[in-house]
């Protein structure tokens, strides 16, 4: 039986879906996290504690485990484990991304500079370019729109930079604001060959001052020629960074003039529970695709299913304590809705973006067209009554 070491931070949403994919494949899992598993004593070498903020110590722990109980792949579910997975996979001779390429994906300024050298279309950015207002201030090391703030007034820039630096506890980057529609792309690299798995439309306008994402719907309603161009830009961007293997999640803006601006590119799959919208071939999940690639298993068919699918990430409207969420049964009863999952418990403090890093939950829908799916998601969200004290 093949064994995969899964780096699953305790805060990730992804653990159940990756574990389900491993069971489907008949693969044994070593659970690696920064906290000890509840059943760690009984799990033995199927559980590993990693200090995720110390890559060297984490890799040493992985190599030690491999020496006494070998694994066949190291896979990171989220950004926090990608560098550790790359270093460990390099040492163990597994298919891997160069660690320096992963480090570039984790530093937005380094990424922008790599894109600039390679000619990847992207926003202008300071300090390398002259940029005009409005601008967007971002932490260099965070994701999922956390700490991202649009600034229209030059007089507010310094205060915003200070605010964002406080959220990130680290450096920030200032970029030009690019108007237009935003899309997301899922891809897979195999020995440097890039394949587009899916493109999501984001039908809600993301104009700021904060950039909280809500609805993702696939397939995209953009013209095929535009989608082909986006795929080519994504492949170019991955190559510019030096990525070679595994999942890629990228974000783009399509300007009113039809230009493409690369906003982000990460060496991991889509976050949260959004991957549940995707099914490939005979119905396999994105997590299974990722594990198959890492373990060198064959792919019968990577074409996405024909049905449209989408997810709505339920935003936190204001700070406070989550008192109650009602209307869940009504939301589930909306035609086309296939799931409603709350990810925050009542009684818990909640914080919206840009300081926050969580969603209240996720609504999933499937249908004949993207329009039908989007309507189902909006109707389901309207059924929910969220009380924050």
Foldseek 3Di string as FASTA:
>chain_A
DAEEEEEDEPPAQCVVVLVVLCVVVVYQYQYEYCDWDPCNVVCDLSYYHAPLVDLVRRLVRLVVSCVVPNHQAYYYADLSCQLSRQVNCVVVVFDHFHSQLSVCQQFQVSLVVLCVVLVQAAFDWPPVDDEDPFKWKAHRGDDQQALIFTDHDPVCVVVSQVVSCVLVVHHMIITHDADAWKKKWKWWAAQLDIDTLAIWGQPDGQDDSGGHGWKTKPDDPDDPVLVVVVSVSLSSSCVSSRTHGFMKMWMWGQHPVRDIHTDHIHRHGDGDPFQVQWAWDPGRTPSSVRVCSRNVHDDPTSHTDQWMKMKTFAFDPAWAFWADKDQQVVLCPQPFWDDWDADDDGRHTAHGPNSGDGTRTMIMGIGRDRVVNVVSNVVSVVRMDTDGD
